[in-house]
Amino acid sequence: MQERDNDNFSFINEKIKEKPLNKRRLLLHVGYIAGVAAVFGVVASLVFAFFQPKFSQMLYPEQEPVVTIPKDDIVDTEATEQVNTEATEQQEPEVPALPEPREFEIADFQNLQNELYAVGREANRFVVTVTGVKSDTDWFNNAYESKGQASGIIIADNGQELLILTERKVISGAQEIFVTFINDVTVEASMKKYDGNTGIAVLSVSHEEVDEETMNAIAVAELGNSLVTPQGMIAIAVGSPLGTTYSILTGSITSTTNSISTVDMNYTVFTTDIVGSSKGSGVLINASGQVIGLVMQDYSSDGDQNTLTAISISELKTLIEMLSNNQDIPYIGLELTTVTNDIANEYDIPKGAYIKEVKMDSPAMAAGLQKGDVITKMGGEAIYTVDSYESKLLELKPDERVKIVVERQGTSGYKEITCTVDVSVLQ
């Protein structure tokens, strides 16, 4: 009986053998896991590469390089002469050796001209040709391209891009903008900012677009102090003063007292005896190669169409700096003149900035400012001249509100009125 029971449950005592290892299946399994891991790694790498710059920008935002252009002051000649006089009195006078007199020959004039042209050729390194390409259709609906050209100058290199100053009218409405350097290399440029008042614009050319050979061939212009430019000073016109790029003309400054009144700004205009094209562009430089004026024939008088005129570069430096840093130029819409002491005493007008004209549909008109008002305060600061008005205006931001206090003439004399102006941008 016991033997039968043992026979019935004998399978319990059987030894169960392990299933033999299937090496092929194991290799496939390992390969599958490795493949999934590789795909996961590639996907993770791509996701990291895509989002890492964004996260870095969010956590550590990269600041754009700032362009700074030093501003100029008029040299106090009286103080300088006094210092020189005191220094001279403390030293024993020295009799300078006079050069032996000699006749000035034609060769000397030629040598002087050669030196001036050498300065101009060196300045051509910072001159570029700006081309704006526009696409349009004719009456028969045929597509065509038109091109506008003018010269420009390289005004800054912020380490990431070259900044180029030119006239906006050439590239207004252009679908493509190109810049050609002194070595005939042409690259694409983009608009940075422009000033709707003066018509100047700043373009940007990325460093990635400019090869090493071109970087070695070009130069950045040095903006000089034009506030101390005297009448009769030698001037050299470079750019395209004759309408031809890289042409060089020499002459002298014939007048430094002319000025123009534009919207919200007044500028000094230099006239020259340099005969150029009515469509000429470029800059005036001094004998040291420094830029002293921006040639803009639109501001020349009717009788000066054949001679070059230029706006004093020192008075444009603040605008150029703002445009280079991608900032809009604030706009109110007034043409002004300064009420001097003599005018104030003779005509019994309060001192300040006299409004000659209020532009149509301007923020000034919307705020109620009128022709004949005299601005005495702006943003809580006293305004005595057009210069102080301009300085305060350039401190403002578009869409900012500013209170302007004016003296307005009535039947019983001048009365103080406060207007609130919404600062805008002139397109």
Protein backbone atom coordinates (compact mmCIF):
# COMPACT_ATOMS: atom_id res chain seq x y z
CA MET A 1 0.00 0.00 0.00
CA GLN A 2 2.78 2.33 0.84
CA GLU A 3 4.66 1.45 -2.34
CA ARG A 4 1.52 2.32 -4.35
CA ASP A 5 1.32 5.69 -2.68
CA ASN A 6 4.95 6.36 -3.47
CA ASP A 7 4.34 5.43 -7.09
CA ASN A 8 1.37 7.77 -7.30
CA PHE A 9 3.37 10.83 -6.06
CA SER A 10 6.69 9.98 -7.54
CA PHE A 11 6.54 13.08 -9.81
CA ILE A 12 6.96 15.26 -6.70
CA ASN A 13 10.46 13.89 -6.31
CA GLU A 14 11.41 14.57 -9.94
CA LYS A 15 14.12 17.21 -10.49
CA ILE A 16 12.96 20.12 -12.65
CA LYS A 17 15.64 21.18 -15.09
CA GLU A 18 16.14 24.89 -15.96
CA LYS A 19 15.21 25.97 -19.39
CA PRO A 20 18.31 26.19 -21.58
CA LEU A 21 19.62 29.71 -22.23
CA ASN A 22 18.64 31.08 -25.64
CA LYS A 23 21.67 33.22 -26.54
CA ARG A 24 20.13 34.59 -29.71
CA ARG A 25 17.07 35.84 -27.88
CA LEU A 26 19.27 37.31 -25.14
CA LEU A 27 21.34 39.22 -27.70
CA LEU A 28 18.20 40.54 -29.33
CA HIS A 29 16.88 41.68 -25.96
CA VAL A 30 20.14 43.41 -25.07
CA GLY A 31 20.26 45.01 -28.51
CA TYR A 32 16.69 46.23 -28.12
CA ILE A 33 17.47 47.83 -24.75
CA ALA A 34 20.64 49.43 -26.16
CA GLY A 35 18.73 50.78 -29.17
CA VAL A 36 16.00 52.26 -26.99
CA ALA A 37 18.67 53.83 -24.79
CA ALA A 38 20.46 55.28 -27.83
CA VAL A 39 17.24 56.72 -29.24
CA PHE A 40 16.39 58.18 -25.84
CA GLY A 41 19.87 59.70 -25.61
CA VAL A 42 19.61 61.27 -29.08
CA VAL A 43 16.14 62.66 -28.36
CA ALA A 44 17.28 63.98 -24.98
CA SER A 45 20.32 65.61 -26.61
CA LEU A 46 18.19 67.27 -29.27
CA VAL A 47 15.67 68.49 -26.71
CA PHE A 48 18.48 69.83 -24.52
CA ALA A 49 20.17 71.51 -27.48
CA PHE A 50 16.87 73.14 -28.47
CA PHE A 51 15.77 74.35 -25.04
CA GLN A 52 19.16 75.05 -23.42
CA PRO A 53 19.66 78.43 -25.16
CA LYS A 54 16.11 79.43 -24.26
CA PHE A 55 16.58 78.48 -20.62
CA SER A 56 19.95 80.23 -20.56
CA GLN A 57 18.38 83.33 -22.08
CA MET A 58 15.61 83.23 -19.45
CA LEU A 59 17.96 82.67 -16.52
CA TYR A 60 20.93 84.67 -17.80
CA PRO A 61 19.62 87.11 -20.42
CA GLU A 62 22.37 88.24 -22.78
CA GLN A 63 22.67 92.01 -22.91
CA GLU A 64 23.15 93.65 -26.28
CA PRO A 65 26.39 95.59 -26.57
CA VAL A 66 25.90 99.32 -26.04
CA VAL A 67 27.41 101.86 -28.42
CA THR A 68 28.67 105.02 -26.71
CA ILE A 69 29.59 108.11 -28.69
CA PRO A 70 31.38 110.82 -26.67
CA LYS A 71 29.65 114.19 -26.83
CA ASP A 72 31.43 117.45 -27.60
CA ASP A 73 31.67 120.82 -25.92
CA ILE A 74 32.72 124.19 -27.27
CA VAL A 75 36.25 124.97 -26.15
CA ASP A 76 36.43 128.04 -23.93
CA THR A 77 39.04 129.96 -25.91
CA GLU A 78 39.23 132.82 -23.41
CA ALA A 79 40.01 130.47 -20.52
CA THR A 80 42.54 128.61 -22.65
CA GLU A 81 44.26 131.85 -23.63
CA GLN A 82 44.37 132.95 -19.98
CA VAL A 83 45.98 129.66 -18.92
CA ASN A 84 48.50 129.92 -21.72
CA THR A 85 49.27 133.54 -20.75
CA GLU A 86 49.86 132.63 -17.09
CA ALA A 87 52.08 129.73 -18.10
CA THR A 88 54.03 131.98 -20.45
CA GLU A 89 54.56 134.61 -17.73
CA GLN A 90 56.06 132.00 -15.40
CA GLN A 91 58.60 130.91 -18.00
CA GLU A 92 61.39 132.88 -19.55
CA PRO A 93 60.44 133.96 -23.03
CA GLU A 94 62.08 132.01 -25.79
CA VAL A 95 62.63 133.56 -29.17
CA PRO A 96 61.55 131.05 -31.79
CA ALA A 97 63.79 130.56 -34.76
CA LEU A 98 62.12 131.95 -37.84
CA PRO A 99 62.31 129.83 -40.97
CA GLU A 100 64.13 131.29 -43.89
CA PRO A 101 61.68 132.89 -46.30
CA ARG A 102 61.24 131.16 -49.61
CA GLU A 103 58.91 131.36 -52.55
CA PHE A 104 55.89 129.08 -52.58
CA GLU A 105 56.08 127.15 -55.82
CA ILE A 106 53.51 125.18 -57.79
CA ALA A 107 55.08 121.95 -56.59
CA ASP A 108 54.25 122.96 -53.01
CA PHE A 109 50.56 123.30 -53.92
CA GLN A 110 50.71 119.89 -55.56
CA ASN A 111 52.33 118.35 -52.48
CA LEU A 112 49.61 119.84 -50.28
CA GLN A 113 46.93 118.48 -52.59
CA ASN A 114 48.58 115.06 -52.57
CA GLU A 115 48.54 115.01 -48.76
CA LEU A 116 44.87 115.99 -48.64
CA TYR A 117 43.96 113.26 -51.12
CA ALA A 118 45.98 110.76 -49.07
CA VAL A 119 43.79 111.65 -46.08
CA GLY A 120 40.72 111.17 -48.27
CA ARG A 121 41.88 107.78 -49.54
CA GLU A 122 42.47 106.61 -45.96
CA ALA A 123 38.99 107.85 -45.02
CA ASN A 124 37.51 105.80 -47.87
CA ARG A 125 38.18 102.73 -45.74
CA PHE A 126 35.16 103.61 -43.59
CA VAL A 127 33.00 104.57 -46.60
CA VAL A 128 30.51 102.05 -48.00
CA THR A 129 27.95 102.00 -50.80
CA VAL A 130 24.38 101.34 -49.66
CA THR A 131 21.96 99.85 -52.19
CA GLY A 132 18.23 99.49 -51.61
CA VAL A 133 16.38 97.07 -53.90
CA LYS A 134 12.64 97.52 -54.41
CA SER A 135 10.31 95.16 -56.26
CA ASP A 136 7.31 96.58 -58.12
CA THR A 137 5.05 96.02 -61.13
CA ASP A 138 4.48 98.24 -64.15
CA TRP A 139 1.23 99.16 -65.92
CA PHE A 140 1.19 95.79 -67.66
CA ASN A 141 1.65 93.91 -64.37
CA ASN A 142 5.22 92.97 -65.23
CA ALA A 143 7.52 92.62 -62.23
CA TYR A 144 10.69 94.70 -62.13
CA GLU A 145 13.30 95.83 -59.65
CA SER A 146 14.53 99.36 -58.97
CA LYS A 147 17.66 100.28 -57.07
CA GLY A 148 18.62 103.35 -55.06
CA GLN A 149 22.19 104.05 -54.03
CA ALA A 150 23.97 106.37 -51.64
CA SER A 151 27.13 106.32 -49.58
CA GLY A 152 27.33 105.49 -45.91
CA ILE A 153 30.01 105.38 -43.23
CA ILE A 154 30.92 102.73 -40.68
CA ILE A 155 30.35 104.46 -37.33
CA ALA A 156 30.79 101.60 -34.87
CA ASP A 157 31.73 97.96 -34.34
CA ASN A 158 30.06 96.59 -31.21
CA GLY A 159 31.71 93.18 -31.47
CA GLN A 160 28.67 91.53 -33.01
CA GLU A 161 27.81 93.80 -35.91
CA LEU A 162 29.04 96.73 -37.95
CA LEU A 163 26.83 99.82 -37.72
CA ILE A 164 26.52 102.01 -40.78
CA LEU A 165 25.13 105.55 -40.99
CA THR A 166 23.33 106.51 -44.19
CA GLU A 167 20.28 108.36 -45.55
CA ARG A 168 16.95 106.62 -45.15
CA LYS A 169 15.44 107.88 -48.43
CA VAL A 170 17.66 105.48 -50.39
CA ILE A 171 16.39 102.40 -48.59
CA SER A 172 12.84 103.49 -47.75
CA GLY A 173 10.47 100.72 -48.82
CA ALA A 174 13.32 98.48 -49.96
CA GLN A 175 12.80 94.73 -49.72
CA GLU A 176 16.54 94.10 -49.64
CA ILE A 177 19.47 96.23 -48.48
CA PHE A 178 23.06 95.60 -49.51
CA VAL A 179 26.33 97.18 -48.40
CA THR A 180 29.46 97.21 -50.54
CA PHE A 181 32.81 97.77 -48.82
CA ILE A 182 36.03 99.34 -50.10
CA ASN A 183 37.27 95.97 -51.42
CA ASP A 184 34.09 95.49 -53.53
CA VAL A 185 32.69 92.79 -51.22
CA THR A 186 28.89 93.07 -51.00
CA VAL A 187 26.88 91.71 -48.06
CA GLU A 188 23.27 91.96 -46.95
CA ALA A 189 22.34 94.50 -44.27
CA SER A 190 19.26 95.18 -42.19
CA MET A 191 17.66 98.35 -40.87
CA LYS A 192 18.47 99.09 -37.23
CA LYS A 193 16.58 102.35 -36.65
CA TYR A 194 15.92 105.60 -38.46
CA ASP A 195 14.99 109.18 -37.56
CA GLY A 196 11.94 110.39 -39.44
CA ASN A 197 12.96 114.01 -38.85
CA THR A 198 16.50 114.28 -40.22
CA GLY A 199 16.18 111.26 -42.48
CA ILE A 200 19.30 109.52 -41.19
CA ALA A 201 19.30 105.76 -40.62
CA VAL A 202 21.59 103.20 -39.01
CA LEU A 203 22.07 99.83 -40.68
CA SER A 204 23.41 96.62 -39.20
CA VAL A 205 25.79 94.12 -40.82
CA SER A 206 26.44 90.95 -38.83
CA HIS A 207 30.05 89.91 -38.26
CA GLU A 208 29.12 86.51 -39.69
CA GLU A 209 28.55 88.18 -43.07
CA VAL A 210 32.00 89.83 -43.21
CA ASP A 211 35.12 87.79 -43.95
CA GLU A 212 38.51 88.40 -42.36
CA GLU A 213 39.97 90.02 -45.47
CA THR A 214 37.19 92.60 -45.52
CA MET A 215 37.55 93.29 -41.79
CA ASN A 216 41.22 94.08 -42.38
CA ALA A 217 40.40 96.36 -45.31
CA ILE A 218 37.79 98.55 -43.59
CA ALA A 219 37.96 101.04 -40.71
CA VAL A 220 35.57 102.71 -38.27
CA ALA A 221 35.07 106.45 -38.73
CA GLU A 222 36.20 108.84 -36.01
CA LEU A 223 33.56 111.47 -35.30
CA GLY A 224 35.28 114.78 -34.58
CA ASN A 225 34.26 117.88 -32.65
CA SER A 226 32.51 120.08 -35.20
CA LEU A 227 31.50 122.67 -32.59
CA VAL A 228 34.93 124.27 -32.91
CA THR A 229 35.02 124.23 -36.72
CA PRO A 230 36.20 127.70 -37.86
CA GLN A 231 35.30 129.49 -41.03
CA GLY A 232 37.97 128.93 -43.67
CA MET A 233 39.06 125.53 -42.37
CA ILE A 234 40.18 122.99 -44.97
CA ALA A 235 37.53 120.33 -45.60
CA ILE A 236 37.59 117.11 -47.60
CA ALA A 237 34.40 115.55 -48.96
CA VAL A 238 34.37 111.74 -49.23
CA GLY A 239 31.67 109.22 -50.01
CA SER A 240 29.89 110.13 -53.21
CA PRO A 241 29.90 113.96 -53.29
CA LEU A 242 29.85 113.85 -57.10
CA GLY A 243 27.36 110.98 -57.24
CA THR A 244 30.24 108.56 -57.81
CA THR A 245 31.33 106.36 -54.92
CA TYR A 246 34.77 107.01 -53.40
CA SER A 247 35.18 110.35 -55.15
CA ILE A 248 37.26 112.88 -53.18
CA LEU A 249 36.81 116.66 -53.26
CA THR A 250 38.74 119.33 -51.36
CA GLY A 251 37.88 122.89 -50.39
CA SER A 252 37.13 124.94 -47.31
CA ILE A 253 34.30 125.82 -44.94
CA THR A 254 32.77 129.11 -46.08
CA SER A 255 30.19 129.56 -43.31
CA THR A 256 29.44 128.06 -39.90
CA THR A 257 26.63 130.39 -38.80
CA ASN A 258 23.77 129.03 -40.89
CA SER A 259 21.17 126.89 -39.19
CA ILE A 260 18.02 125.00 -40.05
CA SER A 261 14.92 124.54 -37.95
CA THR A 262 13.47 121.05 -38.25
CA VAL A 263 10.82 119.28 -36.21
CA ASP A 264 11.82 119.47 -32.52
CA MET A 265 15.47 120.20 -33.42
CA ASN A 266 17.69 122.98 -34.75
CA TYR A 267 20.98 122.16 -36.48
CA THR A 268 24.04 124.08 -37.60
CA VAL A 269 24.72 123.79 -41.33
CA PHE A 270 28.21 124.16 -42.80
CA THR A 271 28.46 125.63 -46.28
CA THR A 272 31.53 124.99 -48.41
CA ASP A 273 33.08 126.09 -51.70
CA ILE A 274 33.24 122.45 -52.79
CA VAL A 275 31.31 122.01 -56.02
CA GLY A 276 29.46 118.71 -55.98
CA SER A 277 26.28 117.06 -57.19
CA SER A 278 22.83 118.12 -56.04
CA LYS A 279 22.28 114.42 -55.31
CA GLY A 280 25.66 113.99 -53.61
CA SER A 281 26.04 112.23 -50.29
CA GLY A 282 28.82 111.42 -47.89
CA VAL A 283 30.65 113.30 -45.16
CA LEU A 284 33.02 116.18 -44.63
CA ILE A 285 36.27 115.38 -42.84
CA ASN A 286 39.03 117.63 -41.56
CA ALA A 287 42.74 117.37 -42.36
CA SER A 288 43.08 114.79 -39.56
CA GLY A 289 40.52 112.48 -41.16
CA GLN A 290 37.83 113.10 -38.52
CA VAL A 291 34.20 113.41 -39.62
CA ILE A 292 32.90 116.95 -38.97
CA GLY A 293 29.73 117.04 -41.07
CA LEU A 294 27.14 114.83 -42.71
CA VAL A 295 26.53 115.89 -46.32
CA MET A 296 22.77 116.30 -46.85
CA GLN A 297 21.86 118.31 -49.92
CA ASP A 298 18.19 118.35 -48.91
CA TYR A 299 19.07 121.05 -46.38
CA SER A 300 20.92 123.32 -48.82
CA SER A 301 19.38 126.62 -49.87
CA ASP A 302 18.24 127.28 -53.42
CA GLY A 303 21.44 129.17 -54.22
CA ASP A 304 23.73 126.45 -52.81
CA GLN A 305 22.59 123.49 -54.91
CA ASN A 306 25.97 123.27 -56.67
CA THR A 307 28.07 123.49 -53.50
CA LEU A 308 28.07 120.92 -50.72
CA THR A 309 26.37 121.60 -47.40
CA ALA A 310 26.63 119.46 -44.28
CA ILE A 311 25.01 119.20 -40.85
CA SER A 312 27.37 119.57 -37.90
CA ILE A 313 28.18 116.02 -36.76
CA SER A 314 28.48 116.99 -33.07
CA GLU A 315 24.81 117.96 -33.01
CA LEU A 316 23.85 114.56 -34.43
CA LYS A 317 25.87 112.41 -32.04
CA THR A 318 23.08 111.87 -29.52
CA LEU A 319 20.70 110.78 -32.28
CA ILE A 320 23.32 108.50 -33.84
CA GLU A 321 24.01 106.88 -30.47
CA MET A 322 20.31 106.27 -29.83
CA LEU A 323 19.73 104.80 -33.29
CA SER A 324 22.82 102.59 -32.91
CA ASN A 325 21.37 101.21 -29.67
CA ASN A 326 18.04 100.44 -31.34
CA GLN A 327 16.20 103.31 -29.63
CA ASP A 328 13.40 105.38 -31.17
CA ILE A 329 13.77 109.16 -31.36
CA PRO A 330 11.01 110.88 -29.33
CA TYR A 331 8.74 113.22 -31.29
CA ILE A 332 6.43 116.04 -30.20
CA GLY A 333 6.07 118.12 -33.38
CA LEU A 334 7.27 121.69 -32.85
CA GLU A 335 9.46 124.13 -34.72
CA LEU A 336 11.17 126.42 -32.20
CA THR A 337 13.52 129.35 -31.77
CA THR A 338 15.20 130.71 -28.67
CA VAL A 339 13.93 133.91 -27.09
CA THR A 340 17.19 135.73 -26.33
CA ASN A 341 17.62 138.52 -23.79
CA ASP A 342 17.54 141.13 -26.55
CA ILE A 343 14.33 139.73 -28.05
CA ALA A 344 12.72 139.38 -24.62
CA ASN A 345 13.51 143.00 -23.73
CA GLU A 346 12.60 144.49 -27.10
CA TYR A 347 9.30 142.66 -27.65
CA ASP A 348 8.37 141.97 -24.01
CA ILE A 349 8.30 138.20 -24.54
CA PRO A 350 9.05 135.69 -21.77
CA LYS A 351 12.38 133.88 -22.07
CA GLY A 352 12.19 130.31 -23.29
CA ALA A 353 11.62 128.33 -26.49
CA TYR A 354 9.26 130.17 -28.83
CA ILE A 355 6.93 127.98 -30.89
CA LYS A 356 7.13 129.01 -34.56
CA GLU A 357 4.96 126.20 -35.87
CA VAL A 358 2.94 123.25 -34.62
CA LYS A 359 2.95 120.29 -37.02
CA MET A 360 -0.38 118.94 -38.20
CA ASP A 361 -1.64 115.80 -36.43
CA SER A 362 1.34 115.92 -34.06
CA PRO A 363 1.30 115.13 -30.33
CA ALA A 364 1.84 118.86 -29.72
CA MET A 365 -1.31 119.77 -31.65
CA ALA A 366 -3.32 117.08 -29.85
CA ALA A 367 -2.14 118.49 -26.52
CA GLY A 368 -3.29 122.03 -27.39
CA LEU A 369 0.06 123.76 -27.91
CA GLN A 370 -0.19 126.75 -30.23
CA LYS A 371 1.97 128.89 -32.46
CA GLY A 372 3.26 131.86 -30.45
CA ASP A 373 3.43 129.97 -27.13
CA VAL A 374 6.71 130.19 -25.23
CA ILE A 375 7.82 126.99 -23.50
CA THR A 376 9.23 127.76 -20.04
CA LYS A 377 9.08 124.32 -18.36
CA MET A 378 9.14 120.73 -19.54
CA GLY A 379 8.88 117.73 -17.27
CA GLY A 380 9.39 119.98 -14.26
CA GLU A 381 12.65 121.46 -15.61
CA ALA A 382 13.12 125.06 -16.71
CA ILE A 383 13.50 125.66 -20.44
CA TYR A 384 15.50 128.74 -21.45
CA THR A 385 16.66 127.82 -24.95
CA VAL A 386 15.91 125.41 -27.79
CA ASP A 387 19.02 123.45 -26.74
CA SER A 388 17.57 122.79 -23.29
CA TYR A 389 14.27 121.74 -24.89
CA GLU A 390 16.11 119.30 -27.18
CA SER A 391 18.13 117.84 -24.31
CA LYS A 392 15.01 117.23 -22.25
CA LEU A 393 13.12 115.76 -25.20
CA LEU A 394 15.85 113.19 -25.93
CA GLU A 395 15.60 111.99 -22.31
CA LEU A 396 11.97 110.99 -22.88
CA LYS A 397 10.62 107.71 -24.24
CA PRO A 398 7.91 107.21 -26.85
CA ASP A 399 4.46 106.72 -25.25
CA GLU A 400 5.65 108.68 -22.22
CA ARG A 401 3.58 111.62 -20.98
CA VAL A 402 5.22 114.95 -20.21
CA LYS A 403 3.80 118.20 -18.88
CA ILE A 404 4.84 121.30 -20.83
CA VAL A 405 4.30 124.72 -19.29
CA VAL A 406 3.92 127.60 -21.74
CA GLU A 407 3.32 131.32 -21.57
CA ARG A 408 0.42 132.20 -23.90
CA GLN A 409 -0.38 135.76 -24.88
CA GLY A 410 -3.90 137.00 -24.23
CA THR A 411 -5.72 140.30 -24.08
CA SER A 412 -4.27 141.05 -20.66
CA GLY A 413 -0.74 139.78 -21.31
CA TYR A 414 0.91 136.40 -21.01
CA LYS A 415 -0.76 133.67 -19.00
CA GLU A 416 0.75 130.37 -17.82
CA ILE A 417 -0.86 127.24 -19.25
CA THR A 418 0.05 123.59 -18.71
CA CYS A 419 -0.39 121.03 -21.50
CA THR A 420 0.09 117.26 -21.25
CA VAL A 421 1.79 115.76 -24.29
CA ASP A 422 1.91 112.07 -25.27
CA VAL A 423 5.37 111.62 -26.78
CA SER A 424 5.40 109.68 -30.04
CA VAL A 425 7.71 108.63 -32.89
CA LEU A 426 7.82 110.36 -36.28
CA GLN A 427 7.41 107.77 -39.01
